[in-house]
């Protein structure tokens, strides 16, 4: 019963217990109760004031297909749409979200030239190719593992081999775990070999094979079927916990600096709700829908990209591009050679 009616009925019960004078006045008092203002009546549901409509907004999101080599495309898109709807309502918008997956950097460039794109998720090579447009802000990257840091790669080999330096791997086989089209593990090893004067990767090792999962990179080394493997640090730590023999029989020869596997960019031309979007991305790990997206991409949370990380990635990409060009030119000159001084 609503409070107004409880008050009215209490007055009615009091009238039944009036003294003699009160009983003479009871007809007029009862009449007064019948004239209770209409504001005390329950308002039918149809007459209740409807909640205000949220202002509509449109959001375009583009993922690079480079990031889906080991990730379910449909799961990522579905999770993102749920998160956008949840966050936008929290900030007072009703967002119509359109998610697209671009197959190449040329397609992304064309879309950016046509107009603002709310969120663009790229691998680092693609970002540097598009940075010249001047419209993308490299805002966030994912963190991983117990240390909650950026992606790192390890070069592992068997302890029984006796090798303690990269140079000892000459003419051995190498297995590389890849997580995106940028193939950052290969990029890191190729640049490391060049910096040590050991020549290009494809000429230093007897064979190089790329695989999609950490176990495919580690187990061949463990069982002696490959000379070395490149695996991401987080996955290797998990594998060692599950099988301690991996830690006792494998040796880490080199550790990469932290690398940016994916860069979440905001369009600088987006004015209406960019700061709300930035806050939502920063707090992505605090919502169930956001955690679902992070789980799909095997990340703990999103952290802001800092200038030092970005410059380190720029240097790595620039070196790798130059080494690749030199290696291709050398291959044309000596198609059957394995490089001099190796």
Protein backbone atom coordinates (compact mmCIF):
# COMPACT_ATOMS: atom_id res chain seq x y z
CA UNK A 1 0.00 0.00 0.00
CA UNK A 2 1.25 3.46 -0.90
CA UNK A 3 2.06 5.85 2.01
CA UNK A 4 -0.68 8.31 0.99
CA UNK A 5 -3.39 5.67 1.34
CA UNK A 6 -2.04 4.43 4.65
CA UNK A 7 -2.41 7.97 5.97
CA UNK A 8 -5.99 8.28 4.72
CA UNK A 9 -7.06 4.93 6.18
CA UNK A 10 -5.57 5.82 9.56
CA UNK A 11 -7.74 8.93 9.57
CA UNK A 12 -10.77 6.83 8.74
CA UNK A 13 -10.13 4.44 11.63
CA UNK A 14 -9.83 7.43 13.98
CA UNK A 15 -13.34 8.63 12.96
CA UNK A 16 -14.84 5.38 14.15
CA UNK A 17 -13.66 6.08 17.72
CA UNK A 18 -14.82 9.72 18.09
CA UNK A 19 -16.63 10.98 21.19
CA UNK A 20 -20.20 12.32 21.13
CA UNK A 21 -19.25 15.69 19.66
CA UNK A 22 -17.07 13.99 17.14
CA UNK A 23 -19.86 11.64 16.10
CA UNK A 24 -22.02 14.69 15.29
CA UNK A 25 -19.25 15.98 13.04
CA UNK A 26 -18.45 12.59 11.50
CA UNK A 27 -20.58 13.04 8.33
CA UNK A 28 -18.77 16.27 7.46
CA UNK A 29 -15.36 14.74 8.25
CA UNK A 30 -16.10 11.70 6.09
CA UNK A 31 -17.10 14.02 3.28
CA UNK A 32 -13.82 15.86 3.60
CA UNK A 33 -11.92 12.57 3.23
CA UNK A 34 -13.74 11.91 -0.03
CA UNK A 35 -12.36 15.18 -1.36
CA UNK A 36 -8.72 14.09 -0.93
CA UNK A 37 -6.67 15.76 -3.69
CA UNK A 38 -6.08 13.73 -6.80
CA UNK A 39 -2.33 13.87 -6.20
CA UNK A 40 -2.81 11.18 -3.54
CA UNK A 41 -4.19 8.72 -6.09
CA UNK A 42 -1.91 6.10 -7.65
CA UNK A 43 -0.91 7.11 -11.16
CA UNK A 44 -1.61 4.41 -13.76
CA UNK A 45 1.51 3.00 -15.42
CA UNK A 46 0.45 4.45 -18.76
CA UNK A 47 0.34 7.94 -17.22
CA UNK A 48 3.77 7.72 -15.53
CA UNK A 49 6.48 9.87 -17.04
CA UNK A 50 8.70 7.83 -19.41
CA UNK A 51 12.48 7.92 -18.82
CA UNK A 52 14.24 10.41 -21.07
CA UNK A 53 15.55 9.00 -24.33
CA UNK A 54 19.32 8.79 -24.63
CA UNK A 55 20.85 10.91 -27.38
CA UNK A 56 21.89 8.72 -30.32
CA UNK A 57 25.51 8.42 -31.45
CA UNK A 58 27.33 6.39 -34.09
CA UNK A 59 30.62 4.61 -33.61
CA UNK A 60 32.82 3.02 -36.29
CA UNK A 61 35.49 0.55 -35.21
CA UNK A 62 38.08 -1.02 -37.50
CA UNK A 63 40.22 -3.99 -36.57
CA UNK A 64 43.19 -4.99 -38.68
CA UNK A 65 42.90 -8.61 -39.82
CA UNK A 66 46.58 -8.89 -38.87
CA UNK A 67 45.53 -9.31 -35.24
CA UNK A 68 43.25 -12.31 -35.89
CA UNK A 69 45.80 -14.99 -36.69
CA UNK A 70 45.31 -16.59 -33.28
CA UNK A 71 42.08 -14.85 -32.23
CA UNK A 72 38.44 -15.60 -33.05
CA UNK A 73 37.19 -12.76 -35.23
CA UNK A 74 33.51 -13.34 -34.39
CA UNK A 75 34.17 -13.52 -30.64
CA UNK A 76 36.12 -10.26 -30.71
CA UNK A 77 33.44 -8.38 -32.69
CA UNK A 78 30.57 -9.67 -30.53
CA UNK A 79 32.40 -8.81 -27.29
CA UNK A 80 33.23 -5.31 -28.52
CA UNK A 81 29.63 -4.55 -29.45
CA UNK A 82 28.38 -5.59 -26.00
CA UNK A 83 31.04 -3.46 -24.32
CA UNK A 84 30.27 -0.39 -26.47
CA UNK A 85 26.55 -0.63 -25.70
CA UNK A 86 27.21 -0.98 -21.95
CA UNK A 87 29.73 1.83 -21.68
CA UNK A 88 27.81 4.22 -23.91
CA UNK A 89 24.69 3.91 -21.73
CA UNK A 90 26.78 4.60 -18.64
CA UNK A 91 27.95 7.84 -20.25
CA UNK A 92 24.50 8.85 -21.46
CA UNK A 93 24.62 7.81 -25.13
CA UNK A 94 22.76 5.23 -27.18
CA UNK A 95 25.43 4.10 -29.63
CA UNK A 96 24.94 2.37 -32.93
CA UNK A 97 28.26 0.49 -33.26
CA UNK A 98 29.57 -0.74 -36.61
CA UNK A 99 32.61 -3.04 -36.46
CA UNK A 100 34.63 -3.88 -39.57
CA UNK A 101 37.71 -6.02 -40.15
CA UNK A 102 40.11 -4.58 -42.74
CA UNK A 103 42.19 -7.03 -44.75
CA UNK A 104 45.07 -4.66 -45.50
CA UNK A 105 46.51 -1.28 -44.58
CA UNK A 106 45.34 0.22 -47.88
CA UNK A 107 41.71 -0.41 -46.95
CA UNK A 108 42.19 1.21 -43.55
CA UNK A 109 43.86 4.23 -45.14
CA UNK A 110 40.94 4.66 -47.54
CA UNK A 111 38.40 4.51 -44.71
CA UNK A 112 40.33 7.11 -42.68
CA UNK A 113 40.50 9.43 -45.67
CA UNK A 114 36.71 9.19 -46.02
CA UNK A 115 36.09 10.43 -42.46
CA UNK A 116 36.67 9.85 -38.72
CA UNK A 117 36.79 6.31 -37.32
CA UNK A 118 36.18 6.13 -33.56
CA UNK A 119 38.60 3.26 -32.80
CA UNK A 120 41.25 1.74 -35.05
CA UNK A 121 43.20 -1.31 -33.81
CA UNK A 122 46.45 -1.95 -35.69
CA UNK A 123 49.71 -3.86 -35.49
CA UNK A 124 52.75 -1.55 -35.08
CA UNK A 125 53.93 -1.75 -38.70
CA UNK A 126 50.47 -0.69 -39.90
CA UNK A 127 50.38 2.17 -37.39
CA UNK A 128 53.67 3.62 -38.62
CA UNK A 129 52.48 3.35 -42.22
CA UNK A 130 49.33 5.33 -41.35
CA UNK A 131 50.85 7.80 -38.87
CA UNK A 132 51.63 10.22 -41.70
CA UNK A 133 47.91 10.89 -42.16
CA UNK A 134 48.06 12.84 -38.90
CA UNK A 135 44.63 11.68 -37.66
CA UNK A 136 45.48 8.73 -35.39
CA UNK A 137 46.41 8.98 -31.72
CA UNK A 138 48.20 5.81 -30.48
CA UNK A 139 46.30 5.63 -27.21
CA UNK A 140 46.50 2.13 -25.67
CA UNK A 141 48.17 -1.27 -25.84
CA UNK A 142 47.46 -4.51 -24.00
CA UNK A 143 49.37 -5.88 -21.02
CA UNK A 144 50.03 -9.55 -20.34
CA UNK A 145 51.17 -12.02 -17.71
CA UNK A 146 51.76 -11.82 -13.98
CA UNK A 147 53.97 -8.77 -14.37
CA UNK A 148 51.19 -6.94 -16.25
CA UNK A 149 53.64 -5.69 -18.87
CA UNK A 150 53.84 -5.46 -22.64
CA UNK A 151 54.55 -8.49 -24.82
CA UNK A 152 58.08 -9.94 -24.71
CA UNK A 153 59.68 -12.79 -26.65
CA UNK A 154 62.23 -15.37 -25.53
CA UNK A 155 64.78 -17.31 -27.56
CA UNK A 156 65.03 -20.76 -25.96
CA UNK A 157 67.27 -23.76 -26.63
CA UNK A 158 68.13 -27.06 -24.97
CA UNK A 159 70.57 -27.02 -22.06
CA UNK A 160 71.99 -30.29 -23.35
CA UNK A 161 73.17 -28.52 -26.51
CA UNK A 162 75.66 -26.55 -24.45
CA UNK A 163 74.88 -23.36 -26.37
CA UNK A 164 75.02 -20.15 -24.35
CA UNK A 165 75.04 -17.49 -27.10
CA UNK A 166 73.03 -16.81 -30.24
CA UNK A 167 76.10 -17.34 -32.41
CA UNK A 168 76.13 -20.99 -31.37
CA UNK A 169 72.85 -21.53 -33.21
CA UNK A 170 74.45 -21.14 -36.64
CA UNK A 171 73.00 -23.67 -39.12
CA UNK A 172 70.46 -24.94 -36.56
CA UNK A 173 66.71 -25.00 -37.10
CA UNK A 174 64.47 -22.28 -35.64
CA UNK A 175 60.74 -22.35 -34.82
CA UNK A 176 59.01 -18.96 -34.30
CA UNK A 177 55.64 -18.35 -32.66
CA UNK A 178 53.70 -15.63 -34.47
CA UNK A 179 50.73 -13.70 -33.10
CA UNK A 180 50.08 -11.14 -35.85
CA UNK A 181 51.00 -10.39 -39.45
CA UNK A 182 53.76 -8.13 -38.13
CA UNK A 183 55.54 -11.30 -36.87
CA UNK A 184 57.34 -9.44 -34.07
CA UNK A 185 59.29 -12.48 -32.86
CA UNK A 186 60.94 -12.89 -36.26
CA UNK A 187 61.51 -9.15 -36.47
CA UNK A 188 63.30 -9.12 -33.11
CA UNK A 189 65.55 -12.11 -33.90
CA UNK A 190 66.43 -10.78 -37.36
CA UNK A 191 67.45 -7.38 -35.94
CA UNK A 192 69.39 -9.04 -33.07
CA UNK A 193 71.40 -11.17 -35.52
CA UNK A 194 72.13 -8.11 -37.64
CA UNK A 195 73.27 -6.09 -34.61
CA UNK A 196 75.71 -8.88 -33.67
CA UNK A 197 77.07 -9.10 -37.21
CA UNK A 198 75.67 -12.59 -37.78
CA UNK A 199 73.77 -11.86 -40.97
CA UNK A 200 70.09 -12.20 -41.94
CA UNK A 201 67.94 -14.76 -40.16
CA UNK A 202 67.12 -16.88 -43.22
CA UNK A 203 70.82 -17.33 -43.98
CA UNK A 204 72.01 -17.83 -40.41
CA UNK A 205 69.68 -20.75 -39.58
CA UNK A 206 69.42 -23.88 -41.70
CA UNK A 207 65.62 -23.52 -41.69
CA UNK A 208 63.04 -21.22 -40.14
CA UNK A 209 59.45 -22.26 -39.51
CA UNK A 210 56.55 -20.13 -38.23
CA UNK A 211 53.85 -21.60 -35.97
CA UNK A 212 50.71 -20.23 -34.32
CA UNK A 213 50.85 -21.64 -30.79
CA UNK A 214 53.48 -21.42 -28.01
CA UNK A 215 53.62 -25.20 -27.61
CA UNK A 216 54.48 -25.62 -31.31
CA UNK A 217 57.49 -23.35 -30.76
CA UNK A 218 58.69 -24.91 -27.49
CA UNK A 219 58.04 -28.66 -27.67
CA UNK A 220 60.19 -29.34 -30.79
CA UNK A 221 63.12 -27.79 -28.90
CA UNK A 222 62.29 -29.78 -25.76
CA UNK A 223 62.26 -33.06 -27.71
CA UNK A 224 65.37 -32.23 -29.74
CA UNK A 225 63.62 -31.78 -33.08
CA UNK A 226 64.60 -28.08 -33.38
CA UNK A 227 67.69 -26.15 -32.37
CA UNK A 228 65.84 -23.14 -30.92
CA UNK A 229 62.42 -21.59 -30.54
CA UNK A 230 60.97 -18.11 -30.17
CA UNK A 231 57.99 -17.92 -27.79
CA UNK A 232 56.23 -15.16 -25.89
CA UNK A 233 57.36 -14.89 -22.28
CA UNK A 234 53.94 -15.14 -20.66
CA UNK A 235 53.09 -18.41 -22.44
CA UNK A 236 56.48 -19.91 -21.62
CA UNK A 237 56.05 -19.13 -17.92
CA UNK A 238 52.63 -20.81 -17.93
CA UNK A 239 54.05 -23.86 -19.72
CA UNK A 240 56.83 -24.16 -17.12
CA UNK A 241 54.27 -24.12 -14.31
CA UNK A 242 52.36 -26.92 -15.98
CA UNK A 243 55.51 -28.91 -16.79
CA UNK A 244 58.54 -27.99 -14.61
CA UNK A 245 60.80 -30.12 -16.82
CA UNK A 246 60.59 -27.40 -19.46
CA UNK A 247 62.31 -25.00 -17.10
CA UNK A 248 65.01 -27.47 -16.13
CA UNK A 249 65.81 -28.70 -19.65
CA UNK A 250 65.50 -25.47 -21.64
CA UNK A 251 67.71 -22.38 -21.47
CA UNK A 252 66.73 -18.81 -22.33
CA UNK A 253 69.43 -17.37 -24.61
CA UNK A 254 67.90 -13.93 -25.17
CA UNK A 255 64.95 -11.78 -24.09
CA UNK A 256 63.37 -9.16 -26.33
CA UNK A 257 62.58 -5.66 -25.11
CA UNK A 258 58.85 -5.06 -24.52
CA UNK A 259 57.03 -4.78 -27.86
CA UNK A 260 53.63 -3.45 -28.88
CA UNK A 261 51.72 -6.28 -30.51
CA UNK A 262 48.58 -4.19 -31.01
CA UNK A 263 47.92 -0.45 -30.80
CA UNK A 264 44.45 0.90 -30.05
CA UNK A 265 44.15 4.27 -31.78
CA UNK A 266 41.60 7.06 -31.36
CA UNK A 267 40.75 9.40 -34.22
CA UNK A 268 41.88 12.95 -33.40
CA UNK A 269 38.96 14.32 -35.41
CA UNK A 270 36.46 12.67 -33.05
CA UNK A 271 35.24 15.43 -30.73
CA UNK A 272 31.83 14.48 -29.39
CA UNK A 273 32.67 11.63 -27.00
CA UNK A 274 36.41 10.96 -27.42
CA UNK A 275 37.27 11.58 -23.75
CA UNK A 276 34.41 9.35 -22.60
CA UNK A 277 35.70 6.68 -24.96
CA UNK A 278 39.25 7.09 -23.64
CA UNK A 279 38.02 6.66 -20.05
CA UNK A 280 36.00 3.61 -21.04
CA UNK A 281 39.03 1.98 -22.68
CA UNK A 282 41.23 2.75 -19.67
CA UNK A 283 38.65 1.04 -17.43
CA UNK A 284 37.99 -1.83 -19.84
CA UNK A 285 39.19 -4.47 -17.36
CA UNK A 286 36.68 -3.28 -14.74
CA UNK A 287 33.55 -4.41 -16.61
CA UNK A 288 32.38 -7.96 -17.48
CA UNK A 289 31.98 -7.03 -21.16
CA UNK A 290 35.42 -5.43 -21.22
CA UNK A 291 37.02 -8.48 -19.58
CA UNK A 292 35.51 -10.60 -22.35
CA UNK A 293 37.28 -8.55 -25.03
CA UNK A 294 40.58 -8.69 -23.15
CA UNK A 295 40.27 -12.45 -22.72
CA UNK A 296 39.79 -12.89 -26.47
CA UNK A 297 43.03 -10.97 -27.11
CA UNK A 298 44.84 -12.58 -24.14
CA UNK A 299 45.42 -9.27 -22.37
CA UNK A 300 45.06 -8.21 -18.72
CA UNK A 301 44.10 -4.60 -19.36
CA UNK A 302 44.81 -1.66 -21.64
CA UNK A 303 47.54 0.78 -20.66
CA UNK A 304 48.41 4.11 -22.30
CA UNK A 305 51.12 3.95 -24.95
CA UNK A 306 54.11 6.04 -23.89
CA UNK A 307 56.54 7.86 -26.16
CA UNK A 308 59.49 5.62 -25.22
CA UNK A 309 57.67 2.42 -26.19
CA UNK A 310 56.50 3.94 -29.44
CA UNK A 311 59.98 5.16 -30.39
CA UNK A 312 61.49 1.75 -29.56
CA UNK A 313 58.97 0.09 -31.86
CA UNK A 314 59.64 2.65 -34.58
CA UNK A 315 63.38 1.90 -34.40
CA UNK A 316 62.78 -1.86 -34.52
CA UNK A 317 60.43 -1.60 -37.51
CA UNK A 318 62.79 0.74 -39.38
CA UNK A 319 65.79 -1.56 -38.84
CA UNK A 320 63.82 -4.62 -39.87
CA UNK A 321 62.60 -2.95 -43.04
CA UNK A 322 66.15 -2.01 -44.00
CA UNK A 323 67.52 -5.49 -43.19
CA UNK A 324 64.75 -7.13 -45.22
CA UNK A 325 65.53 -4.91 -48.22
CA UNK A 326 69.26 -5.67 -47.97
CA UNK A 327 68.57 -9.41 -47.61
CA UNK A 328 66.30 -9.39 -50.67
CA UNK A 329 68.95 -7.59 -52.70
CA UNK A 330 71.60 -10.06 -51.56
CA UNK A 331 69.35 -12.97 -52.43
CA UNK A 332 69.06 -11.66 -56.00
CA UNK A 333 72.85 -11.38 -56.25
CA UNK A 334 73.66 -14.74 -54.57
CA UNK A 335 70.50 -16.85 -54.94
CA UNK A 336 72.15 -20.07 -53.70
CA UNK A 337 74.52 -18.59 -51.13
CA UNK A 338 74.18 -18.64 -47.38
CA UNK A 339 76.01 -15.35 -46.76
CA UNK A 340 79.65 -14.69 -46.18
CA UNK A 341 81.48 -15.10 -42.90
CA UNK A 342 78.99 -17.54 -41.34
